[in-house]
Amino acid sequence: MTRTFKKQLHRVGRTEHQKGSANTQTAVNAMIRDHDFGQACISCGKPRKLEAGHFRNSNQGTTRFHPWNLNGQCATCNRYSGGVTYENGVALDRKFGRGTAAFLERLSRKTELWDTRELDQLKMAARMGWRVYAQVYFELGPLHLSARKSA
């Protein structure tokens, strides 16, 4: 008789919050790919198939889901060229206004954790499109706007 241990195993680190964070990231990435479809890569400017690329990655939550931090990037820039950070920052300043890259850099050093309910709201907003997502994001994270104004 073969004994199966599968039922006894569980995934370490897959709490409800972690699942919510992963599901939100999936929805946000799909929204970015849809929003930037047909545009050139934000970093290299080449017309390629785009992924959702982060200018500044943050596991603390401050920039992970920030609408200005997520933009269409080709796989080469996103995966293999380290995000082409300088070029990405220049493009962010052109797209969202001067100082955006510096603002996101400072913001990525802070810690602001999203609770599970907020992650669910972000996920649902991402499914409705970029404009709705940005509005919900800034309503949930008002410190982000005030931090930019004071910078």
N, C-alpha and C. Protein backbone atom coordinates (compact mmCIF):
# COMPACT_ATOMS: atom_id res chain seq x y z
N MET A 1 0.84 -1.18 0.00
CA MET A 1 0.00 0.00 0.00
C MET A 1 0.89 1.25 0.00
N THR A 2 0.63 2.14 -0.94
CA THR A 2 1.39 3.37 -1.05
C THR A 2 0.77 4.43 -0.16
N ARG A 3 1.60 5.03 0.60
CA ARG A 3 1.12 6.04 1.52
C ARG A 3 1.30 7.44 0.92
N THR A 4 0.29 8.26 0.95
CA THR A 4 0.34 9.60 0.39
C THR A 4 0.44 10.62 1.52
N PHE A 5 1.39 11.52 1.35
CA PHE A 5 1.58 12.56 2.35
C PHE A 5 1.04 13.90 1.89
N LYS A 6 0.48 13.93 0.69
CA LYS A 6 0.01 15.20 0.13
C LYS A 6 -0.96 15.93 1.03
N LYS A 7 -1.89 15.21 1.62
CA LYS A 7 -2.90 15.85 2.46
C LYS A 7 -2.30 16.45 3.72
N GLN A 8 -1.16 15.92 4.13
CA GLN A 8 -0.53 16.40 5.35
C GLN A 8 0.31 17.64 5.09
N LEU A 9 0.68 17.88 3.85
CA LEU A 9 1.51 19.02 3.53
C LEU A 9 0.65 20.27 3.34
N HIS A 10 1.21 21.38 3.70
CA HIS A 10 0.53 22.66 3.45
C HIS A 10 1.57 23.64 2.95
N ARG A 11 1.11 24.64 2.28
CA ARG A 11 2.02 25.66 1.77
C ARG A 11 2.37 26.62 2.89
N VAL A 12 3.62 26.74 3.15
CA VAL A 12 4.08 27.66 4.18
C VAL A 12 3.98 29.08 3.62
N GLY A 13 3.48 29.99 4.44
CA GLY A 13 3.44 31.39 4.03
C GLY A 13 2.29 31.76 3.11
N ARG A 14 1.24 31.00 3.07
CA ARG A 14 0.10 31.34 2.22
C ARG A 14 -1.10 31.68 3.09
N THR A 15 -0.96 32.74 3.84
CA THR A 15 -2.07 33.21 4.67
C THR A 15 -3.11 33.89 3.77
N GLU A 16 -4.23 34.22 4.33
CA GLU A 16 -5.27 34.92 3.57
C GLU A 16 -4.74 36.26 3.05
N HIS A 17 -3.96 36.94 3.87
CA HIS A 17 -3.40 38.22 3.45
C HIS A 17 -2.43 38.04 2.28
N GLN A 18 -1.59 37.03 2.34
CA GLN A 18 -0.64 36.77 1.26
C GLN A 18 -1.35 36.37 -0.02
N LYS A 19 -2.41 35.59 0.10
CA LYS A 19 -3.21 35.23 -1.08
C LYS A 19 -3.86 36.47 -1.66
N GLY A 20 -4.39 37.34 -0.78
CA GLY A 20 -5.00 38.58 -1.24
C GLY A 20 -4.01 39.48 -1.95
N SER A 21 -2.81 39.54 -1.44
CA SER A 21 -1.77 40.35 -2.06
C SER A 21 -1.40 39.80 -3.44
N ALA A 22 -1.26 38.49 -3.53
CA ALA A 22 -0.92 37.86 -4.82
C ALA A 22 -2.05 38.04 -5.83
N ASN A 23 -3.30 37.88 -5.38
CA ASN A 23 -4.45 38.05 -6.28
C ASN A 23 -4.58 39.50 -6.74
N THR A 24 -4.30 40.44 -5.84
CA THR A 24 -4.33 41.85 -6.21
C THR A 24 -3.25 42.15 -7.24
N GLN A 25 -2.05 41.61 -7.03
CA GLN A 25 -0.96 41.83 -7.97
C GLN A 25 -1.32 41.29 -9.35
N THR A 26 -1.95 40.13 -9.41
CA THR A 26 -2.37 39.54 -10.69
C THR A 26 -3.37 40.44 -11.40
N ALA A 27 -4.36 40.94 -10.66
CA ALA A 27 -5.38 41.82 -11.25
C ALA A 27 -4.77 43.14 -11.71
N VAL A 28 -3.88 43.70 -10.92
CA VAL A 28 -3.25 44.98 -11.26
C VAL A 28 -2.35 44.80 -12.48
N ASN A 29 -1.59 43.72 -12.53
CA ASN A 29 -0.73 43.47 -13.70
C ASN A 29 -1.55 43.35 -14.98
N ALA A 30 -2.68 42.64 -14.91
CA ALA A 30 -3.55 42.51 -16.08
C ALA A 30 -4.10 43.87 -16.50
N MET A 31 -4.47 44.70 -15.52
CA MET A 31 -4.98 46.03 -15.81
C MET A 31 -3.92 46.88 -16.52
N ILE A 32 -2.68 46.82 -16.05
CA ILE A 32 -1.60 47.60 -16.66
C ILE A 32 -1.36 47.13 -18.10
N ARG A 33 -1.33 45.83 -18.31
CA ARG A 33 -1.14 45.32 -19.68
C ARG A 33 -2.27 45.78 -20.59
N ASP A 34 -3.48 45.79 -20.09
CA ASP A 34 -4.63 46.24 -20.87
C ASP A 34 -4.56 47.75 -21.11
N HIS A 35 -4.25 48.52 -20.07
CA HIS A 35 -4.19 49.98 -20.17
C HIS A 35 -3.12 50.44 -21.15
N ASP A 36 -1.97 49.80 -21.14
CA ASP A 36 -0.84 50.22 -21.97
C ASP A 36 -0.73 49.45 -23.28
N PHE A 37 -1.73 48.63 -23.59
CA PHE A 37 -1.71 47.83 -24.82
C PHE A 37 -1.56 48.75 -26.05
N GLY A 38 -0.65 48.38 -26.93
CA GLY A 38 -0.44 49.15 -28.14
C GLY A 38 0.55 50.29 -27.98
N GLN A 39 0.95 50.59 -26.75
CA GLN A 39 1.93 51.64 -26.52
C GLN A 39 3.33 51.03 -26.54
N ALA A 40 4.31 51.88 -26.64
CA ALA A 40 5.71 51.43 -26.61
C ALA A 40 6.13 51.20 -25.16
N CYS A 41 7.18 50.42 -24.98
CA CYS A 41 7.78 50.19 -23.66
C CYS A 41 8.17 51.52 -23.04
N ILE A 42 7.83 51.72 -21.78
CA ILE A 42 8.13 52.99 -21.11
C ILE A 42 9.63 53.22 -20.98
N SER A 43 10.41 52.15 -20.93
CA SER A 43 11.86 52.29 -20.72
C SER A 43 12.65 52.46 -22.01
N CYS A 44 12.42 51.58 -22.99
CA CYS A 44 13.23 51.62 -24.21
C CYS A 44 12.51 52.27 -25.39
N GLY A 45 11.20 52.43 -25.27
CA GLY A 45 10.43 53.08 -26.34
C GLY A 45 10.14 52.20 -27.53
N LYS A 46 10.48 50.91 -27.45
CA LYS A 46 10.23 50.01 -28.58
C LYS A 46 8.82 49.44 -28.51
N PRO A 47 8.19 49.29 -29.67
CA PRO A 47 6.82 48.74 -29.69
C PRO A 47 6.86 47.21 -29.58
N ARG A 48 6.75 46.72 -28.38
CA ARG A 48 6.81 45.29 -28.12
C ARG A 48 5.62 44.89 -27.25
N LYS A 49 5.44 43.59 -27.08
CA LYS A 49 4.43 43.10 -26.16
C LYS A 49 4.86 43.52 -24.75
N LEU A 50 3.91 44.06 -24.00
CA LEU A 50 4.25 44.66 -22.70
C LEU A 50 3.84 43.79 -21.52
N GLU A 51 4.61 43.93 -20.47
CA GLU A 51 4.32 43.36 -19.16
C GLU A 51 4.09 44.52 -18.21
N ALA A 52 3.64 44.23 -17.02
CA ALA A 52 3.50 45.27 -16.00
C ALA A 52 4.83 45.39 -15.27
N GLY A 53 5.53 46.50 -15.48
CA GLY A 53 6.83 46.70 -14.86
C GLY A 53 6.75 47.73 -13.75
N HIS A 54 7.52 47.49 -12.70
CA HIS A 54 7.61 48.41 -11.58
C HIS A 54 8.85 49.27 -11.73
N PHE A 55 8.72 50.55 -11.48
CA PHE A 55 9.88 51.42 -11.40
C PHE A 55 10.63 51.11 -10.10
N ARG A 56 9.92 51.14 -8.99
CA ARG A 56 10.47 50.78 -7.69
C ARG A 56 9.62 49.68 -7.11
N ASN A 57 10.23 48.56 -6.79
CA ASN A 57 9.50 47.46 -6.18
C ASN A 57 9.56 47.63 -4.67
N SER A 58 8.48 47.29 -4.01
CA SER A 58 8.44 47.42 -2.57
C SER A 58 7.57 46.33 -1.99
N ASN A 59 8.16 45.48 -1.22
CA ASN A 59 7.39 44.44 -0.54
C ASN A 59 6.64 45.01 0.66
N GLN A 60 7.00 46.21 1.08
CA GLN A 60 6.31 46.85 2.20
C GLN A 60 4.97 47.43 1.77
N GLY A 61 4.68 47.45 0.49
CA GLY A 61 3.38 47.88 0.02
C GLY A 61 3.28 49.30 -0.47
N THR A 62 4.25 50.15 -0.18
CA THR A 62 4.10 51.56 -0.52
C THR A 62 4.08 51.80 -2.02
N THR A 63 4.95 51.17 -2.77
CA THR A 63 4.97 51.38 -4.21
C THR A 63 4.53 50.16 -5.01
N ARG A 64 4.30 49.06 -4.36
CA ARG A 64 3.95 47.83 -5.07
C ARG A 64 2.72 48.00 -5.96
N PHE A 65 1.70 48.69 -5.47
CA PHE A 65 0.46 48.87 -6.22
C PHE A 65 0.24 50.31 -6.66
N HIS A 66 1.22 51.17 -6.49
CA HIS A 66 1.06 52.58 -6.82
C HIS A 66 0.84 52.74 -8.34
N PRO A 67 -0.22 53.44 -8.75
CA PRO A 67 -0.53 53.56 -10.18
C PRO A 67 0.57 54.22 -11.01
N TRP A 68 1.33 55.14 -10.43
CA TRP A 68 2.40 55.79 -11.19
C TRP A 68 3.62 54.89 -11.31
N ASN A 69 3.74 53.94 -10.41
CA ASN A 69 4.90 53.05 -10.37
C ASN A 69 4.77 51.88 -11.35
N LEU A 70 3.58 51.60 -11.79
CA LEU A 70 3.31 50.45 -12.67
C LEU A 70 3.04 50.92 -14.08
N ASN A 71 3.87 50.47 -15.02
CA ASN A 71 3.72 50.88 -16.41
C ASN A 71 4.12 49.73 -17.32
N GLY A 72 3.67 49.80 -18.56
CA GLY A 72 3.99 48.77 -19.54
C GLY A 72 5.47 48.77 -19.88
N GLN A 73 6.10 47.63 -19.69
CA GLN A 73 7.50 47.44 -20.04
C GLN A 73 7.63 46.16 -20.85
N CYS A 74 8.53 46.17 -21.82
CA CYS A 74 8.79 44.95 -22.57
C CYS A 74 9.54 43.96 -21.66
N ALA A 75 9.51 42.69 -22.01
CA ALA A 75 10.16 41.66 -21.19
C ALA A 75 11.65 41.91 -21.05
N THR A 76 12.28 42.40 -22.11
CA THR A 76 13.72 42.65 -22.06
C THR A 76 14.05 43.67 -20.98
N CYS A 77 13.34 44.78 -20.97
CA CYS A 77 13.60 45.82 -19.96
C CYS A 77 13.17 45.37 -18.56
N ASN A 78 12.01 44.74 -18.47
CA ASN A 78 11.45 44.38 -17.18
C ASN A 78 12.21 43.24 -16.50
N ARG A 79 12.53 42.20 -17.25
CA ARG A 79 13.13 41.01 -16.65
C ARG A 79 14.65 40.97 -16.73
N TYR A 80 15.19 41.40 -17.84
CA TYR A 80 16.60 41.15 -18.11
C TYR A 80 17.50 42.37 -17.99
N SER A 81 16.94 43.53 -17.98
CA SER A 81 17.76 44.74 -17.91
C SER A 81 17.54 45.49 -16.60
N GLY A 82 17.04 44.82 -15.60
CA GLY A 82 16.85 45.45 -14.30
C GLY A 82 15.86 46.59 -14.29
N GLY A 83 14.92 46.57 -15.22
CA GLY A 83 13.91 47.62 -15.28
C GLY A 83 14.37 48.88 -15.97
N VAL A 84 15.64 48.92 -16.41
CA VAL A 84 16.22 50.10 -17.05
C VAL A 84 15.78 51.33 -16.26
N THR A 85 16.19 51.37 -15.01
CA THR A 85 15.69 52.32 -14.03
C THR A 85 15.84 53.78 -14.44
N TYR A 86 16.97 54.17 -14.94
CA TYR A 86 17.17 55.58 -15.29
C TYR A 86 16.19 56.00 -16.38
N GLU A 87 16.12 55.22 -17.46
CA GLU A 87 15.23 55.53 -18.57
C GLU A 87 13.77 55.52 -18.12
N ASN A 88 13.43 54.57 -17.27
CA ASN A 88 12.08 54.47 -16.73
C ASN A 88 11.75 55.72 -15.92
N GLY A 89 12.68 56.18 -15.10
CA GLY A 89 12.46 57.38 -14.29
C GLY A 89 12.26 58.62 -15.13
N VAL A 90 13.04 58.77 -16.18
CA VAL A 90 12.90 59.91 -17.09
C VAL A 90 11.51 59.88 -17.73
N ALA A 91 11.09 58.70 -18.17
CA ALA A 91 9.77 58.56 -18.80
C ALA A 91 8.64 58.83 -17.81
N LEU A 92 8.81 58.42 -16.56
CA LEU A 92 7.79 58.70 -15.53
C LEU A 92 7.63 60.20 -15.31
N ASP A 93 8.74 60.91 -15.26
CA ASP A 93 8.67 62.36 -15.09
C ASP A 93 7.97 63.03 -16.27
N ARG A 94 8.17 62.49 -17.47
CA ARG A 94 7.48 63.02 -18.65
C ARG A 94 5.99 62.70 -18.59
N LYS A 95 5.65 61.50 -18.16
CA LYS A 95 4.26 61.03 -18.17
C LYS A 95 3.41 61.63 -17.03
N PHE A 96 3.97 61.68 -15.82
CA PHE A 96 3.18 62.09 -14.64
C PHE A 96 3.62 63.43 -14.04
N GLY A 97 4.67 64.01 -14.57
CA GLY A 97 5.14 65.30 -14.06
C GLY A 97 6.51 65.20 -13.42
N ARG A 98 7.21 66.31 -13.48
CA ARG A 98 8.56 66.38 -12.95
C ARG A 98 8.58 66.03 -11.46
N GLY A 99 9.54 65.20 -11.08
CA GLY A 99 9.68 64.80 -9.68
C GLY A 99 9.00 63.49 -9.33
N THR A 100 8.27 62.90 -10.28
CA THR A 100 7.56 61.65 -9.99
C THR A 100 8.53 60.53 -9.63
N ALA A 101 9.60 60.38 -10.37
CA ALA A 101 10.57 59.31 -10.10
C ALA A 101 11.20 59.49 -8.72
N ALA A 102 11.58 60.70 -8.38
CA ALA A 102 12.17 60.96 -7.07
C ALA A 102 11.15 60.70 -5.96
N PHE A 103 9.91 61.09 -6.20
CA PHE A 103 8.84 60.83 -5.23
C PHE A 103 8.68 59.33 -4.99
N LEU A 104 8.62 58.54 -6.06
CA LEU A 104 8.46 57.09 -5.92
C LEU A 104 9.67 56.46 -5.24
N GLU A 105 10.84 56.97 -5.51
CA GLU A 105 12.07 56.49 -4.85
C GLU A 105 11.98 56.69 -3.34
N ARG A 106 11.58 57.89 -2.91
CA ARG A 106 11.43 58.17 -1.47
C ARG A 106 10.32 57.32 -0.87
N LEU A 107 9.22 57.21 -1.58
CA LEU A 107 8.07 56.45 -1.08
C LEU A 107 8.41 54.97 -0.90
N SER A 108 9.26 54.43 -1.76
CA SER A 108 9.59 53.00 -1.69
C SER A 108 10.37 52.65 -0.43
N ARG A 109 10.92 53.64 0.25
CA ARG A 109 11.69 53.41 1.47
C ARG A 109 10.83 53.38 2.72
N LYS A 110 9.56 53.72 2.56
CA LYS A 110 8.63 53.74 3.70
C LYS A 110 7.88 52.42 3.75
N THR A 111 7.25 52.17 4.87
CA THR A 111 6.45 50.96 5.03
C THR A 111 4.99 51.36 5.25
N GLU A 112 4.14 50.83 4.42
CA GLU A 112 2.69 51.04 4.58
C GLU A 112 2.02 49.75 4.13
N LEU A 113 1.59 48.97 5.08
CA LEU A 113 0.98 47.69 4.75
C LEU A 113 -0.50 47.86 4.45
N TRP A 114 -0.94 47.15 3.44
CA TRP A 114 -2.36 47.14 3.09
C TRP A 114 -3.03 46.02 3.88
N ASP A 115 -4.23 46.28 4.39
CA ASP A 115 -4.94 45.18 5.03
C ASP A 115 -5.70 44.38 3.96
N THR A 116 -6.20 43.23 4.34
CA THR A 116 -6.83 42.32 3.39
C THR A 116 -8.05 42.95 2.71
N ARG A 117 -8.80 43.72 3.45
CA ARG A 117 -9.99 44.38 2.88
C ARG A 117 -9.57 45.40 1.81
N GLU A 118 -8.53 46.16 2.09
CA GLU A 118 -8.04 47.14 1.12
C GLU A 118 -7.49 46.46 -0.13
N LEU A 119 -6.80 45.35 0.06
CA LEU A 119 -6.29 44.60 -1.10
C LEU A 119 -7.43 44.13 -1.98
N ASP A 120 -8.51 43.68 -1.35
CA ASP A 120 -9.68 43.24 -2.11
C ASP A 120 -10.29 44.41 -2.88
N GLN A 121 -10.35 45.60 -2.27
CA GLN A 121 -10.88 46.78 -2.95
C GLN A 121 -9.99 47.16 -4.14
N LEU A 122 -8.68 47.09 -3.97
CA LEU A 122 -7.77 47.39 -5.07
C LEU A 122 -7.94 46.39 -6.21
N LYS A 123 -8.09 45.13 -5.85
CA LYS A 123 -8.27 44.08 -6.86
C LYS A 123 -9.54 44.34 -7.68
N MET A 124 -10.64 44.63 -7.00
CA MET A 124 -11.90 44.87 -7.70
C MET A 124 -11.80 46.13 -8.57
N ALA A 125 -11.15 47.16 -8.07
CA ALA A 125 -10.98 48.40 -8.84
C ALA A 125 -10.12 48.15 -10.08
N ALA A 126 -9.08 47.33 -9.94
CA ALA A 126 -8.21 47.03 -11.09
C ALA A 126 -9.00 46.34 -12.19
N ARG A 127 -9.96 45.55 -11.82
CA ARG A 127 -10.79 44.86 -12.81
C ARG A 127 -11.71 45.81 -13.55
N MET A 128 -11.90 47.02 -13.00
CA MET A 128 -12.75 48.03 -13.63
C MET A 128 -11.97 49.00 -14.52
N GLY A 129 -10.64 48.93 -14.46
CA GLY A 129 -9.84 49.78 -15.33
C GLY A 129 -8.96 50.75 -14.56
N TRP A 130 -8.04 51.36 -15.31
CA TRP A 130 -7.01 52.19 -14.70
C TRP A 130 -7.56 53.40 -13.98
N ARG A 131 -8.52 54.09 -14.56
CA ARG A 131 -9.05 55.32 -13.93
C ARG A 131 -9.72 55.01 -12.59
N VAL A 132 -10.53 53.97 -12.57
CA VAL A 132 -11.20 53.58 -11.32
C VAL A 132 -10.15 53.14 -10.31
N TYR A 133 -9.18 52.36 -10.76
CA TYR A 133 -8.12 51.89 -9.88
C TYR A 133 -7.36 53.05 -9.25
N ALA A 134 -6.95 54.01 -10.06
CA ALA A 134 -6.19 55.15 -9.53
C ALA A 134 -7.02 55.92 -8.50
N GLN A 135 -8.30 56.11 -8.78
CA GLN A 135 -9.17 56.82 -7.84
C GLN A 135 -9.27 56.07 -6.52
N VAL A 136 -9.52 54.77 -6.58
CA VAL A 136 -9.64 53.96 -5.36
C VAL A 136 -8.30 53.93 -4.61
N TYR A 137 -7.21 53.79 -5.34
CA TYR A 137 -5.89 53.74 -4.72
C TYR A 137 -5.64 55.00 -3.90
N PHE A 138 -5.88 56.17 -4.48
CA PHE A 138 -5.59 57.41 -3.78
C PHE A 138 -6.59 57.69 -2.66
N GLU A 139 -7.78 57.12 -2.74
CA GLU A 139 -8.72 57.25 -1.63
C GLU A 139 -8.28 56.39 -0.45
N LEU A 140 -7.72 55.21 -0.75
CA LEU A 140 -7.27 54.31 0.31
C LEU A 140 -5.92 54.72 0.89
N GLY A 141 -5.07 55.32 0.07
CA GLY A 141 -3.73 55.70 0.50
C GLY A 141 -3.50 57.18 0.41
N PRO A 142 -4.26 58.00 1.13
CA PRO A 142 -4.15 59.46 0.97
C PRO A 142 -2.79 60.02 1.38
N LEU A 143 -2.02 59.29 2.18
CA LEU A 143 -0.71 59.79 2.58
C LEU A 143 0.21 59.92 1.38
N HIS A 144 -0.03 59.14 0.35
CA HIS A 144 0.80 59.21 -0.84
C HIS A 144 0.69 60.57 -1.52
N LEU A 145 -0.50 61.09 -1.63
CA LEU A 145 -0.66 62.39 -2.28
C LEU A 145 -0.08 63.50 -1.42
N SER A 146 -0.37 63.46 -0.12
CA SER A 146 0.14 64.52 0.74
C SER A 146 1.67 64.47 0.81
N ALA A 147 2.25 63.27 0.71
CA ALA A 147 3.71 63.15 0.74
C ALA A 147 4.32 63.81 -0.50
N ARG A 148 3.64 63.72 -1.63
CA ARG A 148 4.18 64.33 -2.85
C ARG A 148 4.07 65.86 -2.77
N LYS A 149 2.96 66.34 -2.23
CA LYS A 149 2.77 67.79 -2.16
C LYS A 149 3.78 68.42 -1.21
N SER A 150 4.16 67.71 -0.17
CA SER A 150 5.11 68.28 0.80
C SER A 150 6.55 68.08 0.37
N ALA A 151 6.77 67.27 -0.66
CA ALA A 151 8.15 66.99 -1.09
C ALA A 151 8.72 68.10 -1.94
